[in-house]
């Protein structure tokens, strides 16, 4: 049977061995070769520019609503040069309403007209840019 002093000595030695093993392992770790910085492709740059432009346009739309604090982006899809945005906001009576907006990405002009939505957005497939929600 071990005494308390023998148990402490054993625990201290065990801890010392573990610490030594960690230091030896770190010292002999293979070094990683320096890799050159990754250069984004033209396609990635274009996608980043589309996202930045969409964020700017949706921020402008949010700022023009009656209550910008209540603005909640549901979806944003770019179909060609058109940004189709579905959002929730509050009206003058503080009721939550769902709206649709069509924004021309080249000029920045937008409308909430149902005819524009039906002709440019309804049933169309495009790039989903809903991820810009994090920036609002």
C-alpha atoms as a PDB file:
ATOM      1  CA  UNK A   1       0.000   0.000   0.000  1.00  0.00           C
ATOM      2  CA  UNK A   2       1.264   3.448  -0.897  1.00  0.00           C
ATOM      3  CA  UNK A   3       1.575   6.284   1.493  1.00  0.00           C
ATOM      4  CA  UNK A   4       0.300   9.725   0.664  1.00  0.00           C
ATOM      5  CA  UNK A   5       3.800  11.000   0.057  1.00  0.00           C
ATOM      6  CA  UNK A   6       4.536   8.183  -2.395  1.00  0.00           C
ATOM      7  CA  UNK A   7       1.271   8.897  -4.235  1.00  0.00           C
ATOM      8  CA  UNK A   8       2.145  12.615  -4.507  1.00  0.00           C
ATOM      9  CA  UNK A   9       5.622  11.824  -5.776  1.00  0.00           C
ATOM     10  CA  UNK A  10       4.195   9.422  -8.354  1.00  0.00           C
ATOM     11  CA  UNK A  11       1.605  12.011  -9.499  1.00  0.00           C
ATOM     12  CA  UNK A  12       4.281  14.707  -9.757  1.00  0.00           C
ATOM     13  CA  UNK A  13       6.559  12.485 -11.828  1.00  0.00           C
ATOM     14  CA  UNK A  14       3.670  11.444 -14.084  1.00  0.00           C
ATOM     15  CA  UNK A  15       2.742  15.056 -14.693  1.00  0.00           C
ATOM     16  CA  UNK A  16       6.385  15.880 -15.447  1.00  0.00           C
ATOM     17  CA  UNK A  17       6.581  13.057 -17.995  1.00  0.00           C
ATOM     18  CA  UNK A  18       3.377  14.231 -19.724  1.00  0.00           C
ATOM     19  CA  UNK A  19       4.586  17.843 -19.898  1.00  0.00           C
ATOM     20  CA  UNK A  20       7.957  16.704 -21.257  1.00  0.00           C
ATOM     21  CA  UNK A  21       6.235  14.563 -23.903  1.00  0.00           C
ATOM     22  CA  UNK A  22       4.114  17.544 -25.024  1.00  0.00           C
ATOM     23  CA  UNK A  23       7.175  19.795 -25.340  1.00  0.00           C
ATOM     24  CA  UNK A  24       9.094  17.150 -27.301  1.00  0.00           C
ATOM     25  CA  UNK A  25       6.096  16.636 -29.581  1.00  0.00           C
ATOM     26  CA  UNK A  26       5.812  20.366 -30.257  1.00  0.00           C
ATOM     27  CA  UNK A  27       9.553  20.685 -30.903  1.00  0.00           C
ATOM     28  CA  UNK A  28       9.583  17.924 -33.501  1.00  0.00           C
ATOM     29  CA  UNK A  29       6.355  18.835 -35.305  1.00  0.00           C
ATOM     30  CA  UNK A  30       6.851  19.178 -39.046  1.00  0.00           C
ATOM     31  CA  UNK A  31       6.815  22.774 -40.212  1.00  0.00           C
ATOM     32  CA  UNK A  32       4.166  23.776 -42.724  1.00  0.00           C
ATOM     33  CA  UNK A  33       5.398  25.291 -45.910  1.00  0.00           C
ATOM     34  CA  UNK A  34       4.405  28.874 -46.526  1.00  0.00           C
ATOM     35  CA  UNK A  35       1.657  29.000 -49.127  1.00  0.00           C
ATOM     36  CA  UNK A  36       1.166  32.020 -51.329  1.00  0.00           C
ATOM     37  CA  UNK A  37      -2.020  33.991 -50.637  1.00  0.00           C
ATOM     38  CA  UNK A  38      -5.040  32.754 -52.551  1.00  0.00           C
ATOM     39  CA  UNK A  39      -6.048  34.987 -55.436  1.00  0.00           C
ATOM     40  CA  UNK A  40      -9.826  35.109 -56.049  1.00  0.00           C
ATOM     41  CA  UNK A  41     -10.996  34.206 -59.538  1.00  0.00           C
ATOM     42  CA  UNK A  42     -12.885  36.614 -61.780  1.00  0.00           C
ATOM     43  CA  UNK A  43     -16.079  34.662 -61.109  1.00  0.00           C
ATOM     44  CA  UNK A  44     -15.627  35.005 -57.344  1.00  0.00           C
ATOM     45  CA  UNK A  45     -14.945  38.740 -57.690  1.00  0.00           C
ATOM     46  CA  UNK A  46     -18.116  39.160 -59.767  1.00  0.00           C
ATOM     47  CA  UNK A  47     -20.154  37.253 -57.171  1.00  0.00           C
ATOM     48  CA  UNK A  48     -18.748  39.441 -54.383  1.00  0.00           C
ATOM     49  CA  UNK A  49     -19.616  42.581 -56.363  1.00  0.00           C
ATOM     50  CA  UNK A  50     -23.184  41.300 -56.920  1.00  0.00           C
ATOM     51  CA  UNK A  51     -23.596  40.662 -53.202  1.00  0.00           C
ATOM     52  CA  UNK A  52     -22.198  44.084 -52.273  1.00  0.00           C
ATOM     53  CA  UNK A  53     -24.445  45.850 -54.787  1.00  0.00           C
ATOM     54  CA  UNK A  54     -27.507  43.910 -53.579  1.00  0.00           C
ATOM     55  CA  UNK A  55     -26.685  44.775 -49.957  1.00  0.00           C
ATOM     56  CA  UNK A  56     -26.427  48.449 -50.873  1.00  0.00           C
ATOM     57  CA  UNK A  57     -29.758  48.407 -52.738  1.00  0.00           C
ATOM     58  CA  UNK A  58     -31.647  46.501 -50.031  1.00  0.00           C
ATOM     59  CA  UNK A  59     -30.214  48.819 -47.366  1.00  0.00           C
ATOM     60  CA  UNK A  60     -31.566  51.750 -49.376  1.00  0.00           C
ATOM     61  CA  UNK A  61     -34.956  50.028 -49.612  1.00  0.00           C
ATOM     62  CA  UNK A  62     -34.957  49.392 -45.859  1.00  0.00           C
ATOM     63  CA  UNK A  63     -34.121  53.030 -45.134  1.00  0.00           C
ATOM     64  CA  UNK A  64     -37.084  54.200 -47.237  1.00  0.00           C
ATOM     65  CA  UNK A  65     -39.665  52.118 -45.382  1.00  0.00           C
ATOM     66  CA  UNK A  66     -41.931  53.673 -42.744  1.00  0.00           C
ATOM     67  CA  UNK A  67     -40.241  51.786 -39.912  1.00  0.00           C
ATOM     68  CA  UNK A  68     -36.712  50.695 -40.887  1.00  0.00           C
ATOM     69  CA  UNK A  69     -36.210  48.939 -37.532  1.00  0.00           C
ATOM     70  CA  UNK A  70     -39.035  46.501 -38.360  1.00  0.00           C
ATOM     71  CA  UNK A  71     -37.599  45.596 -41.800  1.00  0.00           C
ATOM     72  CA  UNK A  72     -37.088  41.834 -42.194  1.00  0.00           C
ATOM     73  CA  UNK A  73     -35.652  40.468 -45.436  1.00  0.00           C
ATOM     74  CA  UNK A  74     -37.429  37.288 -46.531  1.00  0.00           C
ATOM     75  CA  UNK A  75     -35.644  36.710 -49.840  1.00  0.00           C
ATOM     76  CA  UNK A  76     -33.511  38.464 -52.420  1.00  0.00           C
ATOM     77  CA  UNK A  77     -33.016  36.932 -55.857  1.00  0.00           C
ATOM     78  CA  UNK A  78     -31.152  38.500 -58.773  1.00  0.00           C
ATOM     79  CA  UNK A  79     -32.675  37.668 -62.133  1.00  0.00           C
ATOM     80  CA  UNK A  80     -30.412  39.195 -64.751  1.00  0.00           C
ATOM     81  CA  UNK A  81     -30.144  42.921 -64.035  1.00  0.00           C
ATOM     82  CA  UNK A  82     -33.184  42.829 -61.717  1.00  0.00           C
ATOM     83  CA  UNK A  83     -33.144  42.310 -57.955  1.00  0.00           C
ATOM     84  CA  UNK A  84     -36.382  40.743 -56.684  1.00  0.00           C
ATOM     85  CA  UNK A  85     -36.865  41.377 -52.959  1.00  0.00           C
ATOM     86  CA  UNK A  86     -39.523  40.003 -50.609  1.00  0.00           C
ATOM     87  CA  UNK A  87     -39.572  41.610 -47.168  1.00  0.00           C
ATOM     88  CA  UNK A  88     -41.720  42.114 -44.103  1.00  0.00           C
ATOM     89  CA  UNK A  89     -42.280  45.468 -42.498  1.00  0.00           C
ATOM     90  CA  UNK A  90     -44.892  47.402 -40.588  1.00  0.00           C
ATOM     91  CA  UNK A  91     -47.440  49.795 -42.031  1.00  0.00           C
ATOM     92  CA  UNK A  92     -48.822  52.979 -40.478  1.00  0.00           C
ATOM     93  CA  UNK A  93     -51.023  50.934 -38.130  1.00  0.00           C
ATOM     94  CA  UNK A  94     -48.074  48.787 -36.914  1.00  0.00           C
ATOM     95  CA  UNK A  95     -49.466  45.729 -38.664  1.00  0.00           C
ATOM     96  CA  UNK A  96     -46.837  43.419 -40.144  1.00  0.00           C
ATOM     97  CA  UNK A  97     -47.194  43.246 -43.924  1.00  0.00           C
ATOM     98  CA  UNK A  98     -45.308  41.319 -46.590  1.00  0.00           C
ATOM     99  CA  UNK A  99     -44.157  43.362 -49.562  1.00  0.00           C
ATOM    100  CA  UNK A 100     -42.366  42.695 -52.827  1.00  0.00           C
ATOM    101  CA  UNK A 101     -39.999  45.088 -54.540  1.00  0.00           C
ATOM    102  CA  UNK A 102     -38.338  45.023 -57.954  1.00  0.00           C
ATOM    103  CA  UNK A 103     -35.045  46.935 -58.167  1.00  0.00           C
ATOM    104  CA  UNK A 104     -32.969  47.574 -61.290  1.00  0.00           C
ATOM    105  CA  UNK A 105     -29.379  46.840 -60.231  1.00  0.00           C
ATOM    106  CA  UNK A 106     -27.891  49.115 -62.903  1.00  0.00           C
ATOM    107  CA  UNK A 107     -29.822  52.289 -62.096  1.00  0.00           C
ATOM    108  CA  UNK A 108     -30.955  51.588 -58.528  1.00  0.00           C
ATOM    109  CA  UNK A 109     -34.566  52.455 -59.390  1.00  0.00           C
ATOM    110  CA  UNK A 110     -37.168  50.294 -57.725  1.00  0.00           C
ATOM    111  CA  UNK A 111     -40.893  49.737 -57.563  1.00  0.00           C
ATOM    112  CA  UNK A 112     -43.419  47.749 -55.550  1.00  0.00           C
ATOM    113  CA  UNK A 113     -45.772  47.542 -58.517  1.00  0.00           C
ATOM    114  CA  UNK A 114     -47.396  44.122 -58.922  1.00  0.00           C
ATOM    115  CA  UNK A 115     -47.133  44.260 -62.719  1.00  0.00           C
ATOM    116  CA  UNK A 116     -43.349  44.746 -62.543  1.00  0.00           C
ATOM    117  CA  UNK A 117     -43.085  41.804 -60.137  1.00  0.00           C
ATOM    118  CA  UNK A 118     -45.168  39.545 -62.388  1.00  0.00           C
ATOM    119  CA  UNK A 119     -43.217  40.442 -65.522  1.00  0.00           C
ATOM    120  CA  UNK A 120     -39.668  40.415 -64.105  1.00  0.00           C
ATOM    121  CA  UNK A 121     -39.671  38.149 -61.037  1.00  0.00           C
ATOM    122  CA  UNK A 122     -42.618  35.754 -60.794  1.00  0.00           C
ATOM    123  CA  UNK A 123     -41.633  32.232 -61.791  1.00  0.00           C
ATOM    124  CA  UNK A 124     -38.083  33.243 -62.732  1.00  0.00           C
ATOM    125  CA  UNK A 125     -34.936  31.524 -61.507  1.00  0.00           C
ATOM    126  CA  UNK A 126     -31.885  33.536 -60.506  1.00  0.00           C
ATOM    127  CA  UNK A 127     -29.041  33.901 -58.023  1.00  0.00           C
ATOM    128  CA  UNK A 128     -30.201  33.653 -54.412  1.00  0.00           C
ATOM    129  CA  UNK A 129     -28.682  36.585 -52.519  1.00  0.00           C
ATOM    130  CA  UNK A 130     -30.696  36.174 -49.318  1.00  0.00           C
ATOM    131  CA  UNK A 131     -27.385  35.805 -47.459  1.00  0.00           C
ATOM    132  CA  UNK A 132     -27.098  39.597 -47.438  1.00  0.00           C
ATOM    133  CA  UNK A 133     -29.492  39.456 -44.477  1.00  0.00           C
ATOM    134  CA  UNK A 134     -26.476  39.351 -42.131  1.00  0.00           C
ATOM    135  CA  UNK A 135     -25.404  42.833 -43.288  1.00  0.00           C
ATOM    136  CA  UNK A 136     -28.689  44.590 -42.612  1.00  0.00           C
END
